[in-house]
C-alpha atoms as a PDB file:
ATOM      1  CA  MET A   1      -0.133   0.147   0.018  1.00  0.00           C
ATOM      2  CA  ALA A   2       1.383   3.177  -0.700  1.00  0.00           C
ATOM      3  CA  ALA A   3       2.399   5.551   1.765  1.00  0.00           C
ATOM      4  CA  ARG A   4      -0.422   7.996   2.776  1.00  0.00           C
ATOM      5  CA  ARG A   5       0.266  12.102   2.078  1.00  0.00           C
ATOM      6  CA  ILE A   6       0.257  14.418   4.861  1.00  0.00           C
ATOM      7  CA  ALA A   7      -0.944  17.641   3.689  1.00  0.00           C
ATOM      8  CA  LYS A   8       1.537  20.819   4.167  1.00  0.00           C
ATOM      9  CA  SER A   9       0.103  22.764   7.382  1.00  0.00           C
ATOM     10  CA  CYS A  10       1.794  25.533   9.705  1.00  0.00           C
ATOM     11  CA  THR A  11       0.386  27.353  12.337  1.00  0.00           C
ATOM     12  CA  PHE A  12       0.370  31.435  12.718  1.00  0.00           C
ATOM     13  CA  LEU A  13      -0.236  34.321  14.453  1.00  0.00           C
ATOM     14  CA  THR A  14      -1.254  37.751  13.643  1.00  0.00           C
ATOM     15  CA  GLY A  15      -2.044  41.232  15.872  1.00  0.00           C
ATOM     16  CA  GLY A  16      -2.629  44.200  16.290  1.00  0.00           C
ATOM     17  CA  ASP A  17      -1.210  47.667  15.036  1.00  0.00           C
ATOM     18  CA  VAL A  18       2.855  48.069  16.829  1.00  0.00           C
ATOM     19  CA  ALA A  19       3.939  51.725  17.846  1.00  0.00           C
ATOM     20  CA  PRO A  20       6.400  51.600  20.506  1.00  0.00           C
ATOM     21  CA  ASP A  21       8.445  54.774  21.944  1.00  0.00           C
ATOM     22  CA  ARG A  22      10.189  53.939  24.774  1.00  0.00           C
ATOM     23  CA  LYS A  23      13.261  52.956  25.883  1.00  0.00           C
ATOM     24  CA  GLY A  24      14.802  49.643  25.010  1.00  0.00           C
ATOM     25  CA  GLY A  25      13.130  47.358  23.100  1.00  0.00           C
ATOM     26  CA  ARG A  26      14.019  44.059  25.251  1.00  0.00           C
ATOM     27  CA  GLY A  27      10.529  42.712  26.625  1.00  0.00           C
ATOM     28  CA  LEU A  28       8.888  44.927  24.351  1.00  0.00           C
ATOM     29  CA  LEU A  29       6.106  42.381  23.645  1.00  0.00           C
ATOM     30  CA  GLY A  30       5.814  40.772  27.007  1.00  0.00           C
ATOM     31  CA  LYS A  31       4.304  37.542  27.352  1.00  0.00           C
ATOM     32  CA  THR A  32       3.100  37.659  23.842  1.00  0.00           C
ATOM     33  CA  ALA A  33       6.529  37.008  22.409  1.00  0.00           C
ATOM     34  CA  SER A  34       6.387  33.528  23.192  1.00  0.00           C
ATOM     35  CA  LEU A  35       3.003  33.193  21.209  1.00  0.00           C
ATOM     36  CA  PHE A  36       4.903  34.651  18.458  1.00  0.00           C
ATOM     37  CA  ARG A  37       7.711  32.439  18.642  1.00  0.00           C
ATOM     38  CA  LYS A  38       5.932  29.236  19.016  1.00  0.00           C
ATOM     39  CA  ALA A  39       3.965  29.934  15.734  1.00  0.00           C
ATOM     40  CA  ASP A  40       5.314  28.517  12.558  1.00  0.00           C
ATOM     41  CA  TYR A  41       4.580  31.954  10.569  1.00  0.00           C
ATOM     42  CA  ALA A  42       4.379  35.097  13.130  1.00  0.00           C
ATOM     43  CA  PHE A  43       3.521  38.503  11.280  1.00  0.00           C
ATOM     44  CA  LEU A  44       2.915  42.185  12.638  1.00  0.00           C
ATOM     45  CA  ASN A  45       2.327  45.851  11.013  1.00  0.00           C
ATOM     46  CA  LEU A  46       5.265  48.208  12.393  1.00  0.00           C
ATOM     47  CA  GLU A  47       3.261  51.355  12.781  1.00  0.00           C
ATOM     48  CA  HIS A  48       5.864  54.321  12.555  1.00  0.00           C
ATOM     49  CA  ASN A  49      10.155  54.315  11.422  1.00  0.00           C
ATOM     50  CA  LEU A  50      12.162  53.487  13.874  1.00  0.00           C
ATOM     51  CA  SER A  51      14.943  56.207  13.527  1.00  0.00           C
ATOM     52  CA  THR A  52      16.141  59.280  15.501  1.00  0.00           C
ATOM     53  CA  SER A  53      16.971  61.343  12.365  1.00  0.00           C
ATOM     54  CA  GLY A  54      14.607  63.251   9.884  1.00  0.00           C
ATOM     55  CA  ARG A  55      12.456  66.112  10.091  1.00  0.00           C
ATOM     56  CA  LEU A  56       8.386  66.137  10.884  1.00  0.00           C
ATOM     57  CA  MET A  57       6.605  66.613   7.847  1.00  0.00           C
ATOM     58  CA  LYS A  58       4.438  69.425   7.292  1.00  0.00           C
ATOM     59  CA  GLY A  59       1.006  69.552   8.330  1.00  0.00           C
ATOM     60  CA  LYS A  60       0.528  66.376  10.175  1.00  0.00           C
ATOM     61  CA  PRO A  61      -1.808  66.071  12.847  1.00  0.00           C
ATOM     62  CA  THR A  62      -0.562  63.217  14.133  1.00  0.00           C
ATOM     63  CA  HIS A  63       2.904  62.143  14.387  1.00  0.00           C
ATOM     64  CA  HIS A  64       4.998  59.577  16.467  1.00  0.00           C
ATOM     65  CA  ARG A  65       8.419  57.569  15.900  1.00  0.00           C
ATOM     66  CA  GLY A  66      10.415  55.129  18.104  1.00  0.00           C
ATOM     67  CA  GLY A  67      14.229  54.918  18.102  1.00  0.00           C
ATOM     68  CA  PRO A  68      16.007  51.708  16.153  1.00  0.00           C
ATOM     69  CA  GLU A  69      17.227  50.215  19.025  1.00  0.00           C
ATOM     70  CA  LEU A  70      13.356  48.618  19.381  1.00  0.00           C
ATOM     71  CA  ILE A  71      14.338  46.253  16.969  1.00  0.00           C
ATOM     72  CA  GLU A  72      15.292  44.514  19.755  1.00  0.00           C
ATOM     73  CA  GLY A  73      11.347  43.387  21.000  1.00  0.00           C
ATOM     74  CA  PHE A  74      10.726  42.153  17.440  1.00  0.00           C
ATOM     75  CA  LEU A  75      13.821  40.215  17.300  1.00  0.00           C
ATOM     76  CA  GLU A  76      12.920  38.841  20.594  1.00  0.00           C
ATOM     77  CA  ALA A  77       9.277  37.790  19.501  1.00  0.00           C
ATOM     78  CA  GLY A  78      11.282  36.282  16.443  1.00  0.00           C
ATOM     79  CA  PHE A  79       8.749  37.525  13.639  1.00  0.00           C
ATOM     80  CA  ASP A  80       8.957  35.821  10.273  1.00  0.00           C
ATOM     81  CA  ALA A  81       8.167  39.211   8.386  1.00  0.00           C
ATOM     82  CA  LEU A  82       6.354  42.340   9.144  1.00  0.00           C
ATOM     83  CA  THR A  83       3.987  44.995   7.381  1.00  0.00           C
ATOM     84  CA  ILE A  84       4.781  48.810   6.378  1.00  0.00           C
ATOM     85  CA  ALA A  85       2.245  50.071   4.877  1.00  0.00           C
ATOM     86  CA  ASN A  86       0.176  52.669   7.122  1.00  0.00           C
ATOM     87  CA  ASN A  87      -0.024  56.147   7.051  1.00  0.00           C
ATOM     88  CA  HIS A  88       2.738  57.114   9.855  1.00  0.00           C
ATOM     89  CA  MET A  89       6.047  55.395   8.253  1.00  0.00           C
ATOM     90  CA  LEU A  90       6.997  59.126   6.658  1.00  0.00           C
ATOM     91  CA  ASP A  91       5.809  61.380   9.349  1.00  0.00           C
ATOM     92  CA  PHE A  92       9.492  62.384   9.557  1.00  0.00           C
ATOM     93  CA  GLY A  93      10.381  62.326   5.800  1.00  0.00           C
ATOM     94  CA  GLU A  94      12.295  59.769   3.263  1.00  0.00           C
ATOM     95  CA  GLU A  95      15.285  60.148   5.726  1.00  0.00           C
ATOM     96  CA  ALA A  96      14.126  57.990   8.337  1.00  0.00           C
ATOM     97  CA  PHE A  97      12.010  56.177   6.290  1.00  0.00           C
ATOM     98  CA  PHE A  98      15.040  54.750   4.657  1.00  0.00           C
ATOM     99  CA  ASP A  99      16.570  54.630   7.955  1.00  0.00           C
ATOM    100  CA  THR A 100      13.872  52.259   8.805  1.00  0.00           C
ATOM    101  CA  LEU A 101      14.110  50.448   5.497  1.00  0.00           C
ATOM    102  CA  LEU A 102      18.078  49.864   6.446  1.00  0.00           C
ATOM    103  CA  LEU A 103      17.221  48.765   9.659  1.00  0.00           C
ATOM    104  CA  LEU A 104      15.081  46.015   8.982  1.00  0.00           C
ATOM    105  CA  GLU A 105      17.189  44.882   6.175  1.00  0.00           C
ATOM    106  CA  ALA A 106      20.290  44.585   7.945  1.00  0.00           C
ATOM    107  CA  LYS A 107      18.319  42.917  10.879  1.00  0.00           C
ATOM    108  CA  LYS A 108      17.052  40.390   8.404  1.00  0.00           C
ATOM    109  CA  ILE A 109      13.822  40.712   9.135  1.00  0.00           C
ATOM    110  CA  PRO A 110      11.428  40.419   6.114  1.00  0.00           C
ATOM    111  CA  PHE A 111       9.087  43.342   5.151  1.00  0.00           C
ATOM    112  CA  THR A 112       6.832  44.463   2.800  1.00  0.00           C
ATOM    113  CA  GLY A 113       4.028  47.325   1.938  1.00  0.00           C
ATOM    114  CA  GLY A 114       6.555  50.179   1.779  1.00  0.00           C
ATOM    115  CA  GLY A 115      10.078  50.708  -0.434  1.00  0.00           C
ATOM    116  CA  ARG A 116      12.272  53.159  -2.025  1.00  0.00           C
ATOM    117  CA  ASN A 117       9.744  53.203  -5.017  1.00  0.00           C
ATOM    118  CA  LEU A 118       6.600  51.338  -6.262  1.00  0.00           C
ATOM    119  CA  ARG A 119       8.016  48.307  -7.485  1.00  0.00           C
ATOM    120  CA  GLU A 120       9.815  47.550  -3.917  1.00  0.00           C
ATOM    121  CA  ALA A 121       6.788  48.694  -2.022  1.00  0.00           C
ATOM    122  CA  LYS A 122       4.824  45.963  -3.767  1.00  0.00           C
ATOM    123  CA  GLU A 123       6.987  43.407  -3.093  1.00  0.00           C
ATOM    124  CA  PRO A 124       5.582  40.715  -1.544  1.00  0.00           C
ATOM    125  CA  VAL A 125       7.635  38.406   1.199  1.00  0.00           C
ATOM    126  CA  VAL A 126       7.966  34.696   0.386  1.00  0.00           C
ATOM    127  CA  LEU A 127       9.116  32.256   2.940  1.00  0.00           C
ATOM    128  CA  VAL A 128       8.795  28.383   3.661  1.00  0.00           C
ATOM    129  CA  ARG A 129       7.302  27.297   6.954  1.00  0.00           C
ATOM    130  CA  ASN A 130       6.739  23.313   7.433  1.00  0.00           C
ATOM    131  CA  GLY A 131       7.393  22.692   3.485  1.00  0.00           C
ATOM    132  CA  LEU A 132       4.394  25.242   2.994  1.00  0.00           C
ATOM    133  CA  LYS A 133       5.262  28.163   0.840  1.00  0.00           C
ATOM    134  CA  ILE A 134       3.794  31.862   1.794  1.00  0.00           C
ATOM    135  CA  GLY A 135       3.136  34.873   0.173  1.00  0.00           C
ATOM    136  CA  LEU A 136       2.665  37.922   2.289  1.00  0.00           C
ATOM    137  CA  LEU A 137       1.671  41.632   0.304  1.00  0.00           C
ATOM    138  CA  ALA A 138       0.235  45.216   2.470  1.00  0.00           C
ATOM    139  CA  TYR A 139      -1.283  47.853   1.095  1.00  0.00           C
ATOM    140  CA  SER A 140      -2.415  51.299   2.653  1.00  0.00           C
ATOM    141  CA  THR A 141      -5.522  53.338   2.301  1.00  0.00           C
ATOM    142  CA  THR A 142      -4.539  55.757   4.691  1.00  0.00           C
ATOM    143  CA  LEU A 143      -2.624  57.713   2.472  1.00  0.00           C
ATOM    144  CA  PRO A 144      -0.882  61.600   3.772  1.00  0.00           C
ATOM    145  CA  GLN A 145       0.471  63.782   1.431  1.00  0.00           C
ATOM    146  CA  GLY A 146       3.413  62.397  -0.031  1.00  0.00           C
ATOM    147  CA  ALA A 147       3.173  58.750   1.656  1.00  0.00           C
ATOM    148  CA  ALA A 148       2.045  56.627  -1.727  1.00  0.00           C
ATOM    149  CA  ALA A 149       4.966  55.072  -3.377  1.00  0.00           C
ATOM    150  CA  GLY A 150       5.443  56.155  -6.979  1.00  0.00           C
ATOM    151  CA  ALA A 151       7.647  55.102 -10.004  1.00  0.00           C
ATOM    152  CA  LYS A 152      10.476  56.657  -8.565  1.00  0.00           C
ATOM    153  CA  GLU A 153       9.405  58.140  -5.283  1.00  0.00           C
ATOM    154  CA  PRO A 154       9.804  55.944  -2.103  1.00  0.00           C
ATOM    155  CA  GLY A 155       6.688  55.581  -0.085  1.00  0.00           C
ATOM    156  CA  VAL A 156       3.884  52.883   0.900  1.00  0.00           C
ATOM    157  CA  ASN A 157       2.373  50.218  -1.347  1.00  0.00           C
ATOM    158  CA  PRO A 158      -1.011  53.062  -2.065  1.00  0.00           C
ATOM    159  CA  MET A 159      -4.864  51.609  -2.165  1.00  0.00           C
ATOM    160  CA  ARG A 160      -6.552  54.833  -2.765  1.00  0.00           C
ATOM    161  CA  VAL A 161     -10.232  55.324  -1.945  1.00  0.00           C
ATOM    162  CA  ASP A 162     -13.148  57.624  -3.015  1.00  0.00           C
ATOM    163  CA  THR A 163     -15.363  59.389  -0.457  1.00  0.00           C
ATOM    164  CA  SER A 164     -18.639  60.780  -1.199  1.00  0.00           C
ATOM    165  CA  TYR A 165     -21.465  62.596   1.161  1.00  0.00           C
ATOM    166  CA  THR A 166     -24.682  62.916   0.263  1.00  0.00           C
ATOM    167  CA  PRO A 167     -27.605  64.043   2.775  1.00  0.00           C
ATOM    168  CA  ARG A 168     -30.056  61.926   3.912  1.00  0.00           C
ATOM    169  CA  ARG A 169     -32.408  64.479   4.708  1.00  0.00           C
ATOM    170  CA  ASN A 170     -33.402  67.412   2.162  1.00  0.00           C
ATOM    171  CA  PRO A 171     -31.194  69.710   3.428  1.00  0.00           C
ATOM    172  CA  ILE A 172     -33.151  73.006   2.482  1.00  0.00           C
ATOM    173  CA  GLU A 173     -35.472  71.645   5.310  1.00  0.00           C
ATOM    174  CA  TYR A 174     -33.273  70.054   7.416  1.00  0.00           C
ATOM    175  CA  PRO A 175     -30.151  71.822   7.792  1.00  0.00           C
ATOM    176  CA  GLY A 176     -26.983  70.009   8.943  1.00  0.00           C
ATOM    177  CA  SER A 177     -28.771  66.876   9.029  1.00  0.00           C
ATOM    178  CA  GLU A 178     -26.710  63.914   8.842  1.00  0.00           C
ATOM    179  CA  MET A 179     -24.712  62.460   5.906  1.00  0.00           C
ATOM    180  CA  LEU A 180     -24.893  59.125   3.878  1.00  0.00           C
ATOM    181  CA  VAL A 181     -20.907  57.971   3.543  1.00  0.00           C
ATOM    182  CA  THR A 182     -20.404  56.362   0.158  1.00  0.00           C
ATOM    183  CA  THR A 183     -16.742  54.948  -0.180  1.00  0.00           C
ATOM    184  CA  LYS A 184     -15.339  53.130  -2.947  1.00  0.00           C
ATOM    185  CA  THR A 185     -12.188  51.510  -3.645  1.00  0.00           C
ATOM    186  CA  ALA A 186      -9.958  53.435  -6.583  1.00  0.00           C
ATOM    187  CA  PRO A 187     -10.803  51.029  -9.648  1.00  0.00           C
ATOM    188  CA  ALA A 188      -6.815  50.807 -10.967  1.00  0.00           C
ATOM    189  CA  ASP A 189      -5.769  49.983  -7.332  1.00  0.00           C
ATOM    190  CA  LEU A 190      -8.221  47.769  -6.626  1.00  0.00           C
ATOM    191  CA  ALA A 191      -7.235  45.671 -10.368  1.00  0.00           C
ATOM    192  CA  ARG A 192      -3.622  46.179  -9.578  1.00  0.00           C
ATOM    193  CA  MET A 193      -4.167  44.349  -6.054  1.00  0.00           C
ATOM    194  CA  LYS A 194      -6.174  41.920  -7.845  1.00  0.00           C
ATOM    195  CA  ARG A 195      -3.636  41.008 -10.042  1.00  0.00           C
ATOM    196  CA  ASP A 196      -0.707  41.214  -7.390  1.00  0.00           C
ATOM    197  CA  ILE A 197      -2.748  38.310  -5.514  1.00  0.00           C
ATOM    198  CA  ALA A 198      -3.079  35.974  -8.261  1.00  0.00           C
ATOM    199  CA  ALA A 199       0.313  36.504  -9.880  1.00  0.00           C
ATOM    200  CA  LEU A 200       1.405  35.437  -6.025  1.00  0.00           C
ATOM    201  CA  LYS A 201      -1.023  32.796  -5.506  1.00  0.00           C
ATOM    202  CA  LYS A 202       0.724  31.048  -8.456  1.00  0.00           C
ATOM    203  CA  LYS A 203       4.246  30.904  -7.045  1.00  0.00           C
ATOM    204  CA  THR A 204       2.975  29.963  -3.670  1.00  0.00           C
ATOM    205  CA  ASP A 205       0.626  27.832  -1.687  1.00  0.00           C
ATOM    206  CA  VAL A 206      -0.730  30.214   0.497  1.00  0.00           C
ATOM    207  CA  VAL A 207      -0.997  34.130   0.382  1.00  0.00           C
ATOM    208  CA  LEU A 208      -1.924  36.685   3.020  1.00  0.00           C
ATOM    209  CA  VAL A 209      -2.541  40.463   2.705  1.00  0.00           C
ATOM    210  CA  GLY A 210      -2.505  43.012   5.587  1.00  0.00           C
ATOM    211  CA  ASN A 211      -4.432  46.385   5.005  1.00  0.00           C
ATOM    212  CA  HIS A 212      -4.232  49.765   6.306  1.00  0.00           C
ATOM    213  CA  TRP A 213      -8.142  50.912   6.219  1.00  0.00           C
ATOM    214  CA  GLY A 214     -10.878  51.991   7.966  1.00  0.00           C
ATOM    215  CA  ALA A 215     -12.508  55.280  10.038  1.00  0.00           C
ATOM    216  CA  SER A 216      -9.934  56.028  13.268  1.00  0.00           C
ATOM    217  CA  MET A 217     -11.876  55.348  16.454  1.00  0.00           C
ATOM    218  CA  SER A 218     -14.540  53.841  14.414  1.00  0.00           C
ATOM    219  CA  HIS A 219     -16.042  50.459  15.099  1.00  0.00           C
ATOM    220  CA  ALA A 220     -17.996  50.438  12.042  1.00  0.00           C
ATOM    221  CA  VAL A 221     -16.803  48.903   8.869  1.00  0.00           C
ATOM    222  CA  GLN A 222     -16.869  50.953   5.772  1.00  0.00           C
ATOM    223  CA  ASP A 223     -18.128  49.494   2.400  1.00  0.00           C
ATOM    224  CA  TYR A 224     -14.727  49.712   0.781  1.00  0.00           C
ATOM    225  CA  GLN A 225     -13.231  47.718   3.907  1.00  0.00           C
ATOM    226  CA  ARG A 226     -15.552  44.422   2.591  1.00  0.00           C
ATOM    227  CA  GLU A 227     -15.162  45.614  -1.209  1.00  0.00           C
ATOM    228  CA  ILE A 228     -11.261  45.308  -0.984  1.00  0.00           C
ATOM    229  CA  GLY A 229     -11.554  41.985   1.145  1.00  0.00           C
ATOM    230  CA  ARG A 230     -13.637  40.215  -0.740  1.00  0.00           C
ATOM    231  CA  ALA A 231     -11.498  40.810  -3.775  1.00  0.00           C
ATOM    232  CA  ALA A 232      -8.637  40.086  -2.369  1.00  0.00           C
ATOM    233  CA  ILE A 233     -10.212  36.578  -1.335  1.00  0.00           C
ATOM    234  CA  ASP A 234     -11.552  36.034  -5.036  1.00  0.00           C
ATOM    235  CA  ALA A 235      -7.967  36.911  -6.220  1.00  0.00           C
ATOM    236  CA  GLY A 236      -6.653  33.857  -4.620  1.00  0.00           C
ATOM    237  CA  ALA A 237      -5.999  35.365  -0.429  1.00  0.00           C
ATOM    238  CA  SER A 238      -6.459  32.688   2.264  1.00  0.00           C
ATOM    239  CA  GLY A 239      -6.944  35.530   5.146  1.00  0.00           C
ATOM    240  CA  VAL A 240      -6.938  39.248   4.986  1.00  0.00           C
ATOM    241  CA  PHE A 241      -5.742  41.338   7.989  1.00  0.00           C
ATOM    242  CA  GLY A 242      -6.737  45.264   8.780  1.00  0.00           C
ATOM    243  CA  GLY A 243      -5.844  47.693  11.204  1.00  0.00           C
ATOM    244  CA  HIS A 244      -5.613  51.540  11.495  1.00  0.00           C
ATOM    245  CA  GLN A 245      -9.311  52.120  13.598  1.00  0.00           C
ATOM    246  CA  HIS A 246      -7.394  51.835  17.283  1.00  0.00           C
ATOM    247  CA  VAL A 247     -10.607  50.015  18.332  1.00  0.00           C
ATOM    248  CA  LEU A 248     -12.082  46.446  16.997  1.00  0.00           C
ATOM    249  CA  GLN A 249     -13.997  45.423  14.225  1.00  0.00           C
ATOM    250  CA  GLY A 250     -15.811  42.522  13.290  1.00  0.00           C
ATOM    251  CA  VAL A 251     -14.491  39.193  12.003  1.00  0.00           C
ATOM    252  CA  GLU A 252     -16.142  37.896   8.541  1.00  0.00           C
ATOM    253  CA  PHE A 253     -15.351  34.877   6.455  1.00  0.00           C
ATOM    254  CA  TYR A 254     -15.754  35.382   3.268  1.00  0.00           C
ATOM    255  CA  LYS A 255     -16.010  32.371   1.655  1.00  0.00           C
ATOM    256  CA  GLY A 256     -14.859  30.487   4.086  1.00  0.00           C
ATOM    257  CA  CYS A 257     -11.630  32.709   4.656  1.00  0.00           C
ATOM    258  CA  PRO A 258     -11.394  35.605   7.046  1.00  0.00           C
ATOM    259  CA  ILE A 259     -11.297  38.985   6.861  1.00  0.00           C
ATOM    260  CA  VAL A 260      -9.972  40.479   9.911  1.00  0.00           C
ATOM    261  CA  HIS A 261     -11.167  44.534   9.754  1.00  0.00           C
ATOM    262  CA  CYS A 262      -9.205  45.227  12.821  1.00  0.00           C
ATOM    263  CA  THR A 263      -7.245  43.591  15.833  1.00  0.00           C
ATOM    264  CA  GLY A 264      -7.034  47.181  17.565  1.00  0.00           C
ATOM    265  CA  ASN A 265      -3.648  48.318  19.040  1.00  0.00           C
ATOM    266  CA  LEU A 266      -0.935  45.954  20.541  1.00  0.00           C
ATOM    267  CA  ILE A 267       1.543  48.291  21.280  1.00  0.00           C
ATOM    268  CA  PHE A 268       0.563  52.034  21.324  1.00  0.00           C
ATOM    269  CA  ASP A 269       2.804  53.991  23.567  1.00  0.00           C
ATOM    270  CA  ILE A 270       1.305  57.063  21.986  1.00  0.00           C
ATOM    271  CA  VAL A 271      -1.741  58.131  23.544  1.00  0.00           C
ATOM    272  CA  GLU A 272      -3.720  60.741  21.089  1.00  0.00           C
ATOM    273  CA  PRO A 273      -6.281  63.263  22.427  1.00  0.00           C
ATOM    274  CA  PHE A 274      -8.759  61.114  21.134  1.00  0.00           C
ATOM    275  CA  PHE A 275      -8.248  57.906  22.530  1.00  0.00           C
ATOM    276  CA  THR A 276     -10.775  56.290  24.553  1.00  0.00           C
ATOM    277  CA  ASP A 277     -10.818  53.158  26.797  1.00  0.00           C
ATOM    278  CA  ALA A 278     -11.979  51.557  23.658  1.00  0.00           C
ATOM    279  CA  THR A 279      -8.426  51.612  22.689  1.00  0.00           C
ATOM    280  CA  HIS A 280      -7.257  48.898  25.239  1.00  0.00           C
ATOM    281  CA  GLN A 281      -8.978  46.486  23.775  1.00  0.00           C
ATOM    282  CA  THR A 282      -7.107  44.099  21.111  1.00  0.00           C
ATOM    283  CA  PHE A 283      -6.407  40.434  20.089  1.00  0.00           C
ATOM    284  CA  LEU A 284      -4.258  37.691  18.487  1.00  0.00           C
ATOM    285  CA  PHE A 285      -5.768  36.165  15.418  1.00  0.00           C
ATOM    286  CA  GLY A 286      -4.738  32.541  14.683  1.00  0.00           C
ATOM    287  CA  GLY A 287      -5.320  29.369  13.021  1.00  0.00           C
ATOM    288  CA  ASN A 288      -3.436  26.448  10.607  1.00  0.00           C
ATOM    289  CA  LEU A 289      -2.370  27.712   7.280  1.00  0.00           C
ATOM    290  CA  SER A 290      -2.482  25.183   4.742  1.00  0.00           C
ATOM    291  CA  LYS A 291      -3.097  25.431   0.964  1.00  0.00           C
ATOM    292  CA  LYS A 292      -6.550  25.202   1.089  1.00  0.00           C
ATOM    293  CA  ARG A 293      -7.347  27.185   3.854  1.00  0.00           C
ATOM    294  CA  ILE A 294      -6.991  29.091   7.319  1.00  0.00           C
ATOM    295  CA  ALA A 295      -8.390  26.163   9.530  1.00  0.00           C
ATOM    296  CA  ASP A 296      -9.240  26.250  13.515  1.00  0.00           C
ATOM    297  CA  PRO A 297      -9.201  30.047  13.259  1.00  0.00           C
ATOM    298  CA  TYR A 298      -9.192  31.661  16.864  1.00  0.00           C
ATOM    299  CA  ILE A 299      -8.467  34.598  18.783  1.00  0.00           C
ATOM    300  CA  ILE A 300      -6.529  35.501  22.523  1.00  0.00           C
ATOM    301  CA  PRO A 301      -7.807  38.536  24.091  1.00  0.00           C
ATOM    302  CA  CYS A 302      -5.045  40.689  25.361  1.00  0.00           C
ATOM    303  CA  ARG A 303      -4.719  44.463  26.785  1.00  0.00           C
ATOM    304  CA  CYS A 304      -2.950  46.994  24.415  1.00  0.00           C
ATOM    305  CA  GLY A 305       0.368  47.440  25.604  1.00  0.00           C
ATOM    306  CA  ILE A 306       1.164  51.333  26.567  1.00  0.00           C
ATOM    307  CA  GLY A 307       4.387  52.164  27.868  1.00  0.00           C
ATOM    308  CA  ASN A 308       4.590  48.978  28.789  1.00  0.00           C
ATOM    309  CA  ALA A 309       4.249  45.042  27.226  1.00  0.00           C
ATOM    310  CA  PRO A 310       0.857  43.962  25.769  1.00  0.00           C
ATOM    311  CA  ALA A 311      -1.259  41.985  28.600  1.00  0.00           C
ATOM    312  CA  ILE A 312      -2.826  38.851  27.443  1.00  0.00           C
ATOM    313  CA  LEU A 313      -6.500  37.991  29.145  1.00  0.00           C
ATOM    314  CA  SER A 314      -8.635  35.482  30.550  1.00  0.00           C
ATOM    315  CA  PRO A 315     -11.182  34.710  28.121  1.00  0.00           C
ATOM    316  CA  ARG A 316     -13.758  33.908  30.864  1.00  0.00           C
ATOM    317  CA  ALA A 317     -13.740  36.699  33.213  1.00  0.00           C
ATOM    318  CA  GLY A 318     -13.118  40.956  33.461  1.00  0.00           C
ATOM    319  CA  ALA A 319     -11.520  42.821  30.626  1.00  0.00           C
ATOM    320  CA  GLY A 320     -10.862  39.489  27.964  1.00  0.00           C
ATOM    321  CA  LYS A 321     -14.399  38.491  28.845  1.00  0.00           C
ATOM    322  CA  GLU A 322     -15.950  41.859  27.458  1.00  0.00           C
ATOM    323  CA  ILE A 323     -13.887  41.902  24.706  1.00  0.00           C
ATOM    324  CA  VAL A 324     -14.964  38.017  23.568  1.00  0.00           C
ATOM    325  CA  ARG A 325     -18.315  40.073  24.064  1.00  0.00           C
ATOM    326  CA  PHE A 326     -18.061  43.085  22.136  1.00  0.00           C
ATOM    327  CA  LEU A 327     -16.096  41.080  19.272  1.00  0.00           C
ATOM    328  CA  GLY A 328     -19.040  38.765  19.305  1.00  0.00           C
ATOM    329  CA  ALA A 329     -21.819  41.609  18.788  1.00  0.00           C
ATOM    330  CA  LEU A 330     -19.300  43.368  16.115  1.00  0.00           C
ATOM    331  CA  SER A 331     -19.206  39.896  14.073  1.00  0.00           C
ATOM    332  CA  GLU A 332     -22.585  38.783  14.560  1.00  0.00           C
ATOM    333  CA  PRO A 333     -23.654  40.448  11.285  1.00  0.00           C
ATOM    334  CA  PHE A 334     -21.422  39.046   9.448  1.00  0.00           C
ATOM    335  CA  GLY A 335     -22.602  35.665  10.998  1.00  0.00           C
ATOM    336  CA  THR A 336     -19.329  34.939  12.760  1.00  0.00           C
ATOM    337  CA  GLY A 337     -19.845  33.156  15.854  1.00  0.00           C
ATOM    338  CA  LEU A 338     -17.181  33.194  18.862  1.00  0.00           C
ATOM    339  CA  ARG A 339     -16.891  29.875  21.282  1.00  0.00           C
ATOM    340  CA  VAL A 340     -15.052  29.901  24.483  1.00  0.00           C
ATOM    341  CA  ARG A 341     -12.425  27.102  24.776  1.00  0.00           C
ATOM    342  CA  GLY A 342      -9.280  27.004  27.030  1.00  0.00           C
ATOM    343  CA  ASN A 343      -7.892  29.710  26.964  1.00  0.00           C
ATOM    344  CA  ARG A 344      -8.672  30.236  23.469  1.00  0.00           C
ATOM    345  CA  VAL A 345     -12.168  32.016  21.632  1.00  0.00           C
ATOM    346  CA  VAL A 346     -12.690  29.557  18.431  1.00  0.00           C
ATOM    347  CA  LEU A 347     -14.470  31.627  15.443  1.00  0.00           C
ATOM    348  CA  VAL A 348     -17.340  29.927  13.953  1.00  0.00           C
ATOM    349  CA  PRO A 349     -17.847  31.258  10.555  1.00  0.00           C
ATOM    350  CA  GLY A 350     -21.774  31.614   9.112  1.00  0.00           C
END
């Protein structure tokens, strides 16, 4: 009898945006570091540059960065890759951005979503884990002026979105009435993303996509997020992972593949004046990667690290239980259920 072929698979783990600004990188991720190290494949979004150089971008109302020594925390956690497509990578201009690229290259941490030109910014990270070839791409819909990479301009991998505002009521009769917000992804960028994913899928077993998207401090999922997420999966992605909003958004499954709209902030040392207690809520998302799908998806509730390491929370009590309840409420409209099993929370697609 012929030997039975064992399907290739590997565990993976990801989490929320990381924006550290503190002294030293040792212990940066606390007890979550061992979870990332244990996973066969782990990645995160680095939310800002790691440099002491550069000059603040003119007109940027919110800005931050961390020192290059903080890279030790990422090495300690053993990340396989980082995404850098977001709205803060160029807060301190090209010099600080280039410093960060050089730092990641020197420390041999693969990254995607930003580069010295668009060709570099759209270059995927491709790694083999447990015999499984995994591709990672990253895009940003949050694009401060000058942040988008071009043919000869440095920046992040752009995904442009058009927004329109229509009064819900006759403004003549109801002046100042609320607006209906409509969002639509720029067709050229959406088509480019689909081509990139389809091409990468031909060369790999699994494609994962990171997106910096959504409205800051909003739990509501925008129309364009679902448009991008579903288009990515239709093109061949096995999972889409979003961030930027600072607060939780629901988890959606499309064709059996997760679209994680926002996991919140995992580390955010810069406390913006508009932050609330909701920005303390975050979670890790994990599962088993295979050629077919992401199997056994789960979350681990955590508290955001603000000047300290993020904390792992019990899903059965206190703040952890509230995260599970609230994420369940946010995910319910997508048909996604949450079930507590031990210290993990299993996600049940609708």
